[in-house]
C-alpha atoms as a PDB file:
ATOM      1  CA  THR A   1       2.588  96.665-141.547  1.00  0.00           C
ATOM      2  CA  LYS A   2       3.913  94.429-144.307  1.00  0.00           C
ATOM      3  CA  PRO A   3       5.208  96.196-147.423  1.00  0.00           C
ATOM      4  CA  ARG A   4       2.648  95.824-150.225  1.00  0.00           C
ATOM      5  CA  ILE A   5       4.001  94.714-153.611  1.00  0.00           C
ATOM      6  CA  LEU A   6       2.399  94.594-157.061  1.00  0.00           C
ATOM      7  CA  ILE A   7       3.717  91.949-159.485  1.00  0.00           C
ATOM      8  CA  VAL A   8       3.704  92.785-163.204  1.00  0.00           C
ATOM      9  CA  GLU A   9       4.975  89.712-165.046  1.00  0.00           C
ATOM     10  CA  SER A  10       4.200  88.195-168.453  1.00  0.00           C
ATOM     11  CA  ASP A  11       5.213  84.654-167.433  1.00  0.00           C
ATOM     12  CA  GLU A  12       2.571  83.162-165.136  1.00  0.00           C
ATOM     13  CA  LEU A  13       4.965  80.619-163.617  1.00  0.00           C
ATOM     14  CA  VAL A  14       7.479  83.340-162.770  1.00  0.00           C
ATOM     15  CA  ALA A  15       4.686  85.443-161.250  1.00  0.00           C
ATOM     16  CA  ILE A  16       3.600  82.545-159.027  1.00  0.00           C
ATOM     17  CA  PHE A  17       7.211  81.842-158.035  1.00  0.00           C
ATOM     18  CA  VAL A  18       7.808  85.490-157.121  1.00  0.00           C
ATOM     19  CA  GLN A  19       4.577  85.663-155.134  1.00  0.00           C
ATOM     20  CA  LEU A  20       5.562  82.624-153.071  1.00  0.00           C
ATOM     21  CA  LYS A  21       8.967  84.123-152.388  1.00  0.00           C
ATOM     22  CA  LEU A  22       7.468  87.463-151.366  1.00  0.00           C
ATOM     23  CA  GLU A  23       5.162  85.760-148.885  1.00  0.00           C
ATOM     24  CA  LEU A  24       8.123  83.799-147.542  1.00  0.00           C
ATOM     25  CA  PHE A  25      10.031  87.079-147.065  1.00  0.00           C
ATOM     26  CA  GLY A  26       7.114  88.573-145.149  1.00  0.00           C
ATOM     27  CA  TYR A  27       5.770  90.880-147.862  1.00  0.00           C
ATOM     28  CA  GLN A  28       2.156  91.202-149.008  1.00  0.00           C
ATOM     29  CA  THR A  29       1.290  90.650-152.674  1.00  0.00           C
ATOM     30  CA  ILE A  30      -1.656  92.894-153.526  1.00  0.00           C
ATOM     31  CA  GLY A  31      -2.095  92.085-157.201  1.00  0.00           C
ATOM     32  CA  GLN A  32      -0.751  90.559-160.405  1.00  0.00           C
ATOM     33  CA  THR A  33      -1.030  91.501-164.060  1.00  0.00           C
ATOM     34  CA  ASN A  34       0.776  90.843-167.340  1.00  0.00           C
ATOM     35  CA  SER A  35      -0.367  94.089-168.978  1.00  0.00           C
ATOM     36  CA  GLY A  36       1.439  97.421-168.981  1.00  0.00           C
ATOM     37  CA  ALA A  37      -1.830  99.355-169.149  1.00  0.00           C
ATOM     38  CA  ASN A  38      -3.252  97.409-166.209  1.00  0.00           C
ATOM     39  CA  ALA A  39      -0.035  97.964-164.275  1.00  0.00           C
ATOM     40  CA  VAL A  40      -0.430 101.738-164.549  1.00  0.00           C
ATOM     41  CA  ARG A  41      -4.099 101.505-163.539  1.00  0.00           C
ATOM     42  CA  LEU A  42      -3.466  99.181-160.582  1.00  0.00           C
ATOM     43  CA  ALA A  43      -0.584 101.331-159.376  1.00  0.00           C
ATOM     44  CA  GLY A  44      -2.988 104.240-159.045  1.00  0.00           C
ATOM     45  CA  GLU A  45      -5.784 102.214-157.492  1.00  0.00           C
ATOM     46  CA  LEU A  46      -3.780 100.054-155.071  1.00  0.00           C
ATOM     47  CA  ARG A  47      -0.847 102.393-154.292  1.00  0.00           C
ATOM     48  CA  PRO A  48       1.674  99.582-153.622  1.00  0.00           C
ATOM     49  CA  ASP A  49       4.906 100.210-151.745  1.00  0.00           C
ATOM     50  CA  LEU A  50       6.854  98.601-154.599  1.00  0.00           C
ATOM     51  CA  ILE A  51       6.245  97.235-158.087  1.00  0.00           C
ATOM     52  CA  LEU A  52       8.170  94.301-159.577  1.00  0.00           C
ATOM     53  CA  MET A  53       7.964  94.812-163.346  1.00  0.00           C
ATOM     54  CA  ASP A  54       8.789  92.535-166.259  1.00  0.00           C
ATOM     55  CA  THR A  55      10.325  94.403-169.195  1.00  0.00           C
ATOM     56  CA  GLU A  56       8.265  92.566-171.820  1.00  0.00           C
ATOM     57  CA  LEU A  57       4.521  92.727-171.213  1.00  0.00           C
ATOM     58  CA  THR A  58       1.254  91.941-172.978  1.00  0.00           C
ATOM     59  CA  GLY A  59      -0.320  94.779-174.946  1.00  0.00           C
ATOM     60  CA  GLU A  60       0.955  97.985-176.507  1.00  0.00           C
ATOM     61  CA  ILE A  61       2.628  99.344-173.368  1.00  0.00           C
ATOM     62  CA  ASP A  62       5.942  97.675-172.511  1.00  0.00           C
ATOM     63  CA  GLY A  63       7.540  97.529-169.088  1.00  0.00           C
ATOM     64  CA  ILE A  64       9.711 100.648-169.357  1.00  0.00           C
ATOM     65  CA  THR A  65       6.828 102.779-170.650  1.00  0.00           C
ATOM     66  CA  ALA A  66       4.575 101.520-167.853  1.00  0.00           C
ATOM     67  CA  ALA A  67       7.294 102.197-165.275  1.00  0.00           C
ATOM     68  CA  GLU A  68       7.856 105.734-166.592  1.00  0.00           C
ATOM     69  CA  ASN A  69       4.116 106.448-166.429  1.00  0.00           C
ATOM     70  CA  ILE A  70       3.889 105.066-162.885  1.00  0.00           C
ATOM     71  CA  ARG A  71       6.900 107.098-161.801  1.00  0.00           C
ATOM     72  CA  ALA A  72       5.509 110.292-163.335  1.00  0.00           C
ATOM     73  CA  GLN A  73       1.936 109.866-162.122  1.00  0.00           C
ATOM     74  CA  HIS A  74       2.360 108.189-158.749  1.00  0.00           C
ATOM     75  CA  ALA A  75       6.064 108.429-157.762  1.00  0.00           C
ATOM     76  CA  LEU A  76       6.150 104.737-156.854  1.00  0.00           C
ATOM     77  CA  PRO A  77       9.348 102.628-156.922  1.00  0.00           C
ATOM     78  CA  VAL A  78       9.752 100.040-159.683  1.00  0.00           C
ATOM     79  CA  VAL A  79      12.249  97.167-159.895  1.00  0.00           C
ATOM     80  CA  PHE A  80      12.583  95.444-163.268  1.00  0.00           C
ATOM     81  CA  LEU A  81      12.651  91.667-163.619  1.00  0.00           C
ATOM     82  CA  THR A  82      14.606  91.081-166.814  1.00  0.00           C
ATOM     83  CA  GLY A  83      16.087  88.174-168.750  1.00  0.00           C
ATOM     84  CA  LYS A  84      19.776  87.883-169.588  1.00  0.00           C
ATOM     85  CA  SER A  85      19.043  88.855-173.196  1.00  0.00           C
ATOM     86  CA  ASN A  86      17.984  92.317-171.969  1.00  0.00           C
ATOM     87  CA  ASP A  87      21.019  92.966-169.746  1.00  0.00           C
ATOM     88  CA  GLU A  88      22.828  95.114-172.319  1.00  0.00           C
ATOM     89  CA  THR A  89      19.701  97.187-172.940  1.00  0.00           C
ATOM     90  CA  MET A  90      19.187  97.732-169.214  1.00  0.00           C
ATOM     91  CA  THR A  91      22.766  98.910-168.636  1.00  0.00           C
ATOM     92  CA  SER A  92      23.126 101.082-171.730  1.00  0.00           C
ATOM     93  CA  GLY A  93      19.670 102.540-172.389  1.00  0.00           C
ATOM     94  CA  ASP A  94      19.140 106.063-171.012  1.00  0.00           C
ATOM     95  CA  ARG A  95      15.474 105.335-170.217  1.00  0.00           C
ATOM     96  CA  TYR A  96      16.463 102.619-167.736  1.00  0.00           C
ATOM     97  CA  LYS A  97      18.978 104.657-165.726  1.00  0.00           C
ATOM     98  CA  ALA A  98      16.372 105.807-163.195  1.00  0.00           C
ATOM     99  CA  PHE A  99      15.408 102.227-162.337  1.00  0.00           C
ATOM    100  CA  THR A 100      17.047  99.218-160.710  1.00  0.00           C
ATOM    101  CA  TYR A 101      16.719  95.682-161.991  1.00  0.00           C
ATOM    102  CA  ILE A 102      17.402  92.034-161.231  1.00  0.00           C
ATOM    103  CA  THR A 103      18.242  89.429-163.863  1.00  0.00           C
ATOM    104  CA  LYS A 104      16.358  86.142-164.189  1.00  0.00           C
ATOM    105  CA  PRO A 105      17.041  83.584-162.902  1.00  0.00           C
ATOM    106  CA  PHE A 106      17.746  85.137-159.502  1.00  0.00           C
ATOM    107  CA  SER A 107      18.340  83.638-156.082  1.00  0.00           C
ATOM    108  CA  ASP A 108      16.213  84.220-152.995  1.00  0.00           C
ATOM    109  CA  GLN A 109      19.006  86.335-151.523  1.00  0.00           C
ATOM    110  CA  GLU A 110      19.261  88.517-154.646  1.00  0.00           C
ATOM    111  CA  LEU A 111      15.512  89.081-154.793  1.00  0.00           C
ATOM    112  CA  ARG A 112      15.265  89.885-151.094  1.00  0.00           C
ATOM    113  CA  ALA A 113      18.244  92.265-151.257  1.00  0.00           C
ATOM    114  CA  VAL A 114      17.036  94.250-154.272  1.00  0.00           C
ATOM    115  CA  ILE A 115      13.565  94.629-152.730  1.00  0.00           C
ATOM    116  CA  GLN A 116      14.953  95.772-149.391  1.00  0.00           C
ATOM    117  CA  MET A 117      17.231  98.340-151.000  1.00  0.00           C
ATOM    118  CA  ALA A 118      14.537  99.627-153.371  1.00  0.00           C
ATOM    119  CA  LEU A 119      12.133 100.102-150.457  1.00  0.00           C
ATOM    120  CA  TYR A 120      14.806 101.834-148.395  1.00  0.00           C
ATOM    121  CA  LYS A 121      15.714 104.100-151.298  1.00  0.00           C
ATOM    122  CA  HIS A 122      12.098 105.165-151.771  1.00  0.00           C
ATOM    123  CA  GLN A 123      11.565 105.718-148.055  1.00  0.00           C
ATOM    124  CA  ALA A 124      14.762 107.766-147.790  1.00  0.00           C
ATOM    125  CA  GLU A 125      13.878 109.928-150.772  1.00  0.00           C
ATOM    126  CA  THR A 126      10.372 110.478-149.433  1.00  0.00           C
ATOM    127  CA  LYS A 127      11.520 111.271-145.901  1.00  0.00           C
ATOM    128  CA  LEU A 128      14.210 113.668-147.036  1.00  0.00           C
ATOM    129  CA  GLN A 129      11.966 115.028-149.802  1.00  0.00           C
ATOM    130  CA  ILE A 130      14.666 114.308-152.347  1.00  0.00           C
ATOM    131  CA  ASN A 131      13.143 114.173-155.812  1.00  0.00           C
ATOM    132  CA  ASP A 132      14.702 114.056-159.228  1.00  0.00           C
ATOM    133  CA  LEU A 133      14.351 117.795-159.784  1.00  0.00           C
ATOM    134  CA  ALA A 134      16.058 118.651-156.500  1.00  0.00           C
ATOM    135  CA  LEU A 135      18.902 116.214-157.107  1.00  0.00           C
ATOM    136  CA  LYS A 136      19.500 117.559-160.592  1.00  0.00           C
ATOM    137  CA  ALA A 137      19.753 121.071-159.161  1.00  0.00           C
ATOM    138  CA  ILE A 138      22.638 120.040-156.885  1.00  0.00           C
ATOM    139  CA  SER A 139      25.998 120.565-158.561  1.00  0.00           C
ATOM    140  CA  GLN A 140      27.852 118.231-156.207  1.00  0.00           C
ATOM    141  CA  GLY A 141      27.763 114.464-156.488  1.00  0.00           C
ATOM    142  CA  VAL A 142      25.166 113.013-154.108  1.00  0.00           C
ATOM    143  CA  ILE A 143      24.926 109.449-152.828  1.00  0.00           C
ATOM    144  CA  VAL A 144      21.984 108.038-150.853  1.00  0.00           C
ATOM    145  CA  SER A 145      23.029 104.934-148.907  1.00  0.00           C
ATOM    146  CA  THR A 146      21.591 102.565-146.348  1.00  0.00           C
ATOM    147  CA  PRO A 147      22.878 102.603-142.732  1.00  0.00           C
ATOM    148  CA  ASP A 148      25.331  99.833-143.678  1.00  0.00           C
ATOM    149  CA  ARG A 149      26.759 102.009-146.501  1.00  0.00           C
ATOM    150  CA  LYS A 150      25.094 100.252-149.445  1.00  0.00           C
ATOM    151  CA  ILE A 151      24.394 102.685-152.271  1.00  0.00           C
ATOM    152  CA  VAL A 152      20.735 102.996-153.321  1.00  0.00           C
ATOM    153  CA  SER A 153      20.708 106.262-155.287  1.00  0.00           C
ATOM    154  CA  VAL A 154      22.963 108.828-156.964  1.00  0.00           C
ATOM    155  CA  ASN A 155      22.255 112.083-158.776  1.00  0.00           C
ATOM    156  CA  ASP A 156      23.226 113.258-162.246  1.00  0.00           C
ATOM    157  CA  ALA A 157      26.176 115.247-160.932  1.00  0.00           C
ATOM    158  CA  PHE A 158      27.657 112.099-159.402  1.00  0.00           C
ATOM    159  CA  THR A 159      27.324 110.274-162.727  1.00  0.00           C
ATOM    160  CA  GLN A 160      28.960 113.152-164.593  1.00  0.00           C
ATOM    161  CA  GLN A 161      31.839 113.374-162.107  1.00  0.00           C
ATOM    162  CA  THR A 162      32.557 109.650-161.823  1.00  0.00           C
ATOM    163  CA  GLY A 163      31.120 108.070-164.976  1.00  0.00           C
ATOM    164  CA  TYR A 164      29.004 105.649-162.955  1.00  0.00           C
ATOM    165  CA  GLY A 165      25.210 105.514-163.009  1.00  0.00           C
ATOM    166  CA  ILE A 166      23.053 103.922-160.313  1.00  0.00           C
ATOM    167  CA  GLN A 167      22.897 100.611-162.178  1.00  0.00           C
ATOM    168  CA  ASP A 168      26.699 100.349-162.058  1.00  0.00           C
ATOM    169  CA  ILE A 169      26.933 100.651-158.267  1.00  0.00           C
ATOM    170  CA  PHE A 170      23.475  99.922-156.806  1.00  0.00           C
ATOM    171  CA  GLY A 171      23.882  97.808-153.679  1.00  0.00           C
ATOM    172  CA  LYS A 172      27.650  98.262-153.519  1.00  0.00           C
ATOM    173  CA  THR A 173      29.344 100.000-150.598  1.00  0.00           C
ATOM    174  CA  CYS A 174      30.805 103.492-150.631  1.00  0.00           C
ATOM    175  CA  SER A 175      34.290 101.952-150.467  1.00  0.00           C
ATOM    176  CA  ILE A 176      34.234 101.510-154.275  1.00  0.00           C
ATOM    177  CA  LEU A 177      34.995 105.221-154.512  1.00  0.00           C
ATOM    178  CA  GLN A 178      38.382 104.605-152.936  1.00  0.00           C
ATOM    179  CA  GLY A 179      39.826 102.614-155.840  1.00  0.00           C
ATOM    180  CA  PRO A 180      43.406 102.966-157.159  1.00  0.00           C
ATOM    181  CA  LEU A 181      42.451 105.538-159.819  1.00  0.00           C
ATOM    182  CA  THR A 182      40.865 107.955-157.359  1.00  0.00           C
ATOM    183  CA  ASP A 183      43.166 110.837-156.428  1.00  0.00           C
ATOM    184  CA  PRO A 184      44.492 110.850-152.823  1.00  0.00           C
ATOM    185  CA  ALA A 185      42.703 114.089-151.884  1.00  0.00           C
ATOM    186  CA  THR A 186      39.319 112.625-152.795  1.00  0.00           C
ATOM    187  CA  ILE A 187      40.051 109.385-150.928  1.00  0.00           C
ATOM    188  CA  THR A 188      40.969 111.373-147.822  1.00  0.00           C
ATOM    189  CA  ALA A 189      37.845 113.531-148.100  1.00  0.00           C
ATOM    190  CA  ILE A 190      35.583 110.502-148.533  1.00  0.00           C
ATOM    191  CA  ALA A 191      37.176 108.734-145.574  1.00  0.00           C
ATOM    192  CA  HIS A 192      36.760 111.856-143.423  1.00  0.00           C
ATOM    193  CA  GLU A 193      33.068 112.230-144.306  1.00  0.00           C
ATOM    194  CA  ARG A 194      32.380 108.547-143.647  1.00  0.00           C
ATOM    195  CA  ALA A 195      34.170 108.638-140.293  1.00  0.00           C
ATOM    196  CA  ALA A 196      32.213 111.745-139.290  1.00  0.00           C
ATOM    197  CA  GLY A 197      28.939 110.204-140.417  1.00  0.00           C
ATOM    198  CA  GLY A 198      28.393 113.138-142.739  1.00  0.00           C
ATOM    199  CA  PRO A 199      27.192 113.276-146.345  1.00  0.00           C
ATOM    200  CA  LEU A 200      29.490 112.365-149.208  1.00  0.00           C
ATOM    201  CA  PRO A 201      28.697 115.294-151.544  1.00  0.00           C
ATOM    202  CA  ALA A 202      31.392 117.447-149.907  1.00  0.00           C
ATOM    203  CA  ALA A 203      33.968 114.811-150.762  1.00  0.00           C
ATOM    204  CA  LEU A 204      32.807 114.290-154.318  1.00  0.00           C
ATOM    205  CA  GLY A 205      32.012 117.887-155.164  1.00  0.00           C
ATOM    206  CA  ARG A 206      35.664 118.816-155.441  1.00  0.00           C
ATOM    207  CA  GLY A 207      36.016 116.344-158.287  1.00  0.00           C
ATOM    208  CA  ALA A 208      38.328 113.379-158.670  1.00  0.00           C
ATOM    209  CA  ALA A 209      41.399 113.665-160.853  1.00  0.00           C
ATOM    210  CA  ALA A 210      40.460 110.395-162.508  1.00  0.00           C
ATOM    211  CA  ARG A 211      37.438 108.179-162.571  1.00  0.00           C
ATOM    212  CA  PRO A 212      37.349 105.812-159.578  1.00  0.00           C
ATOM    213  CA  ARG A 213      37.882 102.150-160.372  1.00  0.00           C
ATOM    214  CA  LEU A 214      35.189  99.808-159.081  1.00  0.00           C
ATOM    215  CA  ALA A 215      36.554  97.513-156.405  1.00  0.00           C
ATOM    216  CA  HIS A 216      35.745  93.870-155.628  1.00  0.00           C
ATOM    217  CA  GLY A 217      35.819  92.837-159.304  1.00  0.00           C
ATOM    218  CA  ALA A 218      32.807  94.981-160.202  1.00  0.00           C
ATOM    219  CA  ARG A 219      32.649  96.516-163.666  1.00  0.00           C
ATOM    220  CA  GLY A 220      31.529  99.919-164.856  1.00  0.00           C
ATOM    221  CA  ARG A 221      30.489 101.081-168.332  1.00  0.00           C
ATOM    222  CA  ALA A 222      31.946  99.617-171.512  1.00  0.00           C
ATOM    223  CA  GLY A 223      35.507 100.700-172.006  1.00  0.00           C
ATOM    224  CA  ALA A 224      35.997 101.472-168.302  1.00  0.00           C
ATOM    225  CA  PRO A 225      39.187 100.310-166.632  1.00  0.00           C
END
């Protein structure tokens, strides 16, 4: 069956544009709203596979509050649609760390990719019964990736050990952990786990001597090398 997506967008033209793109990609749009309160209600009633959420909505409930309520009440995945003016807020605000986002204007390829990875992340977490509480209880750094090694989720331990949150590395490959600032022992351990098809926590749990540098010109938090 086609993945079912709810659009929560304050700009009607953007909502129409996104709906057309979703249909082109083979997804099913099951509803639209520009209200945070309606978004929470529709999420419970329609149970979409994914919600595309604008950060600035009509009414008293903004996008992040609506997304937090949906996550807490229904455990549904949310991807934010945000303008460039909100980029700094999205990357620095603690409330946004649990969510992924895409910046307007975005290309068809960017929209398709972020939807595919968000759906895969949710499916993987559901299948493996990995929830936030379980991940927080694991002392080793944990990465959830797609079959082609693209990162879709990390736990708090990974962020503490490397300095990178999910928004820094979402969609990037595991090879970013093998940058020039990563100690040789960690690089060897990561390479061994990847070659064996095993999980990466064993490689990360021992701790890197220095924070890995993001490869391919990517950038981490402010002040990062």
